[in-house]
Amino acid sequence: MIKSKKDLARYLRQDQIALGNGAKKRPSPLGDEVWRFQRLMRRTEYWVNCRRDPLGRAVASLYRLRYHRFCVRMGFHVPLNIFEEGLSIAHYGALVVNSRAKVGKNCRIHAMVVIGATNGDPAAPVIGDNVYIGAGAKIVGDIHIADDVAIGAGAVVVKSIEEKGTTWGGVPAKKISDRDSRANLCPDLWK
């Protein structure tokens, strides 16, 4: 969670690297929509979390409104303070995340993914660090996903994955290999 300007700078840089934009200074007006979205998300988190004075609350309200509009335009429902640093949303398209979910560092997530709760149960998934989530995957319920896990496209995960460094796929998801997620994440994150 962003708690200072220093945190904000670190989160912005790690997200930039995770998206493969490490050499660029800022997003271009055309083609970098996801990067612009993530920058807005991090700045909104900063203003909401850190600035409690009257000016800070006013600016936070404006950022929240702008963030909401950007979410609608991109097809995202991503509440604030869910993702740790190093987030990489592969491209825009439907993405739904429960407000009680928690996702660790260096997560790569594709379109049509749902991270949610079930049947009125307020508990949502807790996802570890260095997790890859393929297109159309559904991660649902009060479950935990270990570090370095890859979840294949279209997988439906309804039970906890405790084994680190594995790949899961299918409906319901089953272990399909002992390969970890690192091949699917930006290698610059570990430099």
Protein backbone atom coordinates (compact mmCIF):
# COMPACT_ATOMS: atom_id res chain seq x y z
CA MET A 1 0.00 0.00 0.00
CA ILE A 2 1.24 3.47 -0.87
CA LYS A 3 1.90 5.44 2.32
CA SER A 4 4.32 8.15 1.15
CA LYS A 5 5.68 9.96 -1.91
CA LYS A 6 8.65 7.60 -1.82
CA ASP A 7 6.27 4.62 -2.02
CA LEU A 8 4.43 6.28 -4.89
CA ALA A 9 7.65 6.73 -6.86
CA ARG A 10 8.65 3.09 -6.24
CA TYR A 11 5.24 1.74 -7.27
CA LEU A 12 5.19 3.86 -10.43
CA ARG A 13 8.68 2.69 -11.40
CA GLN A 14 8.01 -0.99 -10.69
CA ASP A 15 4.74 -0.88 -12.66
CA GLN A 16 6.58 0.80 -15.54
CA ILE A 17 9.23 -1.95 -15.56
CA ALA A 18 6.61 -4.71 -15.26
CA LEU A 19 4.82 -3.33 -18.31
CA GLY A 20 8.08 -3.43 -20.30
CA ASN A 21 8.33 0.36 -20.51
CA GLY A 22 11.51 0.74 -18.47
CA ALA A 23 13.30 2.87 -21.07
CA LYS A 24 10.43 5.28 -21.74
CA LYS A 25 9.98 8.41 -19.67
CA ARG A 26 6.19 8.62 -19.88
CA PRO A 27 3.27 7.00 -21.69
CA SER A 28 2.51 8.12 -25.21
CA PRO A 29 -0.94 9.60 -25.90
CA LEU A 30 -1.79 6.70 -28.24
CA GLY A 31 -1.08 3.09 -27.40
CA ASP A 32 -0.14 3.29 -23.72
CA GLU A 33 -3.66 3.33 -22.26
CA VAL A 34 -2.96 0.63 -19.69
CA TRP A 35 0.19 2.35 -18.47
CA ARG A 36 -1.73 5.63 -18.16
CA PHE A 37 -4.46 3.78 -16.25
CA GLN A 38 -1.96 2.26 -13.83
CA ARG A 39 -0.25 5.63 -13.25
CA LEU A 40 -3.64 7.19 -12.48
CA MET A 41 -4.47 4.30 -10.14
CA ARG A 42 -1.23 4.78 -8.19
CA ARG A 43 -1.63 8.53 -7.95
CA THR A 44 -5.22 8.12 -6.78
CA GLU A 45 -4.04 5.64 -4.14
CA TYR A 46 -1.45 8.17 -2.97
CA TRP A 47 -3.97 11.01 -2.59
CA VAL A 48 -6.56 8.77 -0.90
CA ASN A 49 -4.07 7.10 1.48
CA CYS A 50 -1.68 9.92 2.33
CA ARG A 51 -3.29 13.30 2.11
CA ARG A 52 -5.83 13.79 4.92
CA ASP A 53 -5.81 17.61 4.98
CA PRO A 54 -8.76 19.49 3.36
CA LEU A 55 -6.84 20.18 0.14
CA GLY A 56 -5.73 16.54 -0.01
CA ARG A 57 -9.30 15.28 0.41
CA ALA A 58 -10.51 17.62 -2.34
CA VAL A 59 -7.76 16.50 -4.73
CA ALA A 60 -8.43 12.85 -3.79
CA SER A 61 -12.10 13.32 -4.73
CA LEU A 62 -11.11 14.65 -8.14
CA TYR A 63 -8.68 11.77 -8.66
CA ARG A 64 -11.38 9.24 -7.65
CA LEU A 65 -13.78 10.70 -10.21
CA ARG A 66 -11.16 10.64 -12.95
CA TYR A 67 -10.15 7.09 -11.96
CA HIS A 68 -13.78 5.90 -12.07
CA ARG A 69 -14.25 7.34 -15.56
CA PHE A 70 -11.03 5.72 -16.78
CA CYS A 71 -12.11 2.35 -15.31
CA VAL A 72 -15.42 2.52 -17.17
CA ARG A 73 -13.71 3.46 -20.43
CA MET A 74 -11.18 0.61 -20.12
CA GLY A 75 -13.71 -2.02 -18.99
CA PHE A 76 -12.07 -2.45 -15.58
CA HIS A 77 -13.52 -2.78 -12.11
CA VAL A 78 -10.33 -2.47 -10.06
CA PRO A 79 -10.72 -0.99 -6.56
CA LEU A 80 -7.84 0.95 -5.05
CA ASN A 81 -5.17 -0.63 -2.82
CA ILE A 82 -5.56 -4.18 -4.13
CA PHE A 83 -2.34 -4.65 -6.11
CA GLU A 84 1.18 -4.29 -4.74
CA GLU A 85 3.99 -2.83 -6.87
CA GLY A 86 4.99 -4.36 -10.19
CA LEU A 87 1.48 -4.73 -11.62
CA SER A 88 1.27 -5.49 -15.34
CA ILE A 89 -2.17 -5.48 -16.94
CA ALA A 90 -1.50 -7.01 -20.35
CA HIS A 91 -4.13 -5.00 -22.25
CA TYR A 92 -7.48 -3.38 -21.75
CA GLY A 93 -10.68 -5.41 -21.67
CA ALA A 94 -13.00 -6.71 -18.99
CA LEU A 95 -11.24 -7.10 -15.65
CA VAL A 96 -13.16 -7.50 -12.39
CA VAL A 97 -11.51 -7.53 -8.97
CA ASN A 98 -13.29 -7.79 -5.62
CA SER A 99 -12.61 -4.93 -3.22
CA ARG A 100 -11.46 -7.38 -0.51
CA ALA A 101 -8.94 -9.21 -2.69
CA LYS A 102 -5.21 -8.75 -2.10
CA VAL A 103 -2.58 -9.29 -4.79
CA GLY A 104 1.17 -9.37 -4.16
CA LYS A 105 4.11 -7.90 -6.05
CA ASN A 106 4.83 -8.46 -9.75
CA CYS A 107 1.46 -9.74 -10.90
CA ARG A 108 0.75 -10.01 -14.64
CA ILE A 109 -2.94 -10.17 -15.42
CA HIS A 110 -4.76 -10.52 -18.74
CA ALA A 111 -8.21 -9.51 -19.97
CA MET A 112 -11.47 -11.22 -18.97
CA VAL A 113 -10.10 -12.14 -15.53
CA VAL A 114 -12.32 -12.24 -12.45
CA ILE A 115 -10.90 -12.21 -8.92
CA GLY A 116 -13.95 -12.39 -6.69
CA ALA A 117 -16.04 -13.74 -3.86
CA THR A 118 -18.87 -16.28 -3.99
CA ASN A 119 -22.55 -16.25 -3.07
CA GLY A 120 -22.50 -13.31 -0.70
CA ASP A 121 -19.43 -14.53 1.19
CA PRO A 122 -17.31 -11.41 1.77
CA ALA A 123 -13.98 -13.27 1.74
CA ALA A 124 -11.96 -12.86 -1.46
CA PRO A 125 -8.73 -14.37 -2.82
CA VAL A 126 -5.29 -13.52 -1.48
CA ILE A 127 -2.71 -13.89 -4.23
CA GLY A 128 1.04 -14.09 -3.62
CA ASP A 129 4.01 -12.47 -5.36
CA ASN A 130 5.13 -13.13 -8.95
CA VAL A 131 1.81 -14.60 -10.09
CA TYR A 132 0.77 -14.81 -13.74
CA ILE A 133 -2.97 -14.91 -14.49
CA GLY A 134 -3.92 -15.89 -18.05
CA ALA A 135 -6.81 -14.52 -20.10
CA GLY A 136 -10.27 -15.48 -18.92
CA ALA A 137 -9.13 -17.03 -15.64
CA LYS A 138 -11.51 -16.93 -12.70
CA ILE A 139 -10.17 -16.97 -9.13
CA VAL A 140 -13.09 -17.14 -6.75
CA GLY A 141 -13.68 -17.52 -3.03
CA ASP A 142 -11.79 -17.45 0.24
CA ILE A 143 -8.61 -18.96 -1.21
CA HIS A 144 -4.87 -18.32 -1.22
CA ILE A 145 -2.55 -18.53 -4.21
CA ALA A 146 1.14 -19.19 -3.43
CA ASP A 147 4.08 -17.20 -4.84
CA ASP A 148 5.45 -17.86 -8.34
CA VAL A 149 2.27 -19.56 -9.59
CA ALA A 150 1.06 -19.41 -13.20
CA ILE A 151 -2.68 -19.76 -13.80
CA GLY A 152 -3.52 -20.69 -17.38
CA ALA A 153 -6.04 -19.05 -19.68
CA GLY A 154 -9.63 -19.97 -18.89
CA ALA A 155 -8.78 -21.71 -15.61
CA VAL A 156 -11.31 -21.65 -12.79
CA VAL A 157 -9.57 -21.64 -9.40
CA VAL A 158 -11.91 -22.38 -6.50
CA LYS A 159 -9.44 -24.01 -4.07
CA SER A 160 -6.23 -22.69 -2.55
CA ILE A 161 -2.95 -23.29 -4.39
CA GLU A 162 -0.33 -23.83 -1.70
CA GLU A 163 2.48 -25.21 -3.88
CA LYS A 164 4.89 -22.47 -4.99
CA GLY A 165 6.35 -22.38 -8.48
CA THR A 166 3.68 -24.40 -10.28
CA THR A 167 1.33 -23.98 -13.25
CA TRP A 168 -2.41 -24.59 -13.00
CA GLY A 169 -5.14 -24.85 -15.61
CA GLY A 170 -8.54 -26.32 -16.41
CA VAL A 171 -12.03 -26.23 -14.93
CA PRO A 172 -11.72 -26.66 -12.00
CA ALA A 173 -8.02 -25.82 -11.98
CA LYS A 174 -5.54 -28.64 -11.48
CA LYS A 175 -1.76 -28.67 -11.38
CA ILE A 176 -0.45 -29.17 -14.91
CA SER A 177 3.28 -28.58 -14.46
CA ASP A 178 6.10 -27.66 -12.10
CA ARG A 179 7.04 -24.59 -14.15
CA ASP A 180 6.87 -21.32 -12.26
CA SER A 181 5.48 -18.00 -13.48
CA ARG A 182 8.78 -16.22 -14.15
CA ALA A 183 8.83 -16.97 -17.90
CA ASN A 184 5.57 -15.00 -18.19
CA LEU A 185 6.74 -11.95 -16.21
CA CYS A 186 9.09 -9.14 -17.25
CA PRO A 187 12.68 -10.32 -16.61
CA ASP A 188 13.75 -6.75 -15.75
CA LEU A 189 11.88 -7.07 -12.42
CA TRP A 190 14.73 -9.20 -11.04
CA LYS A 191 17.67 -7.01 -12.10
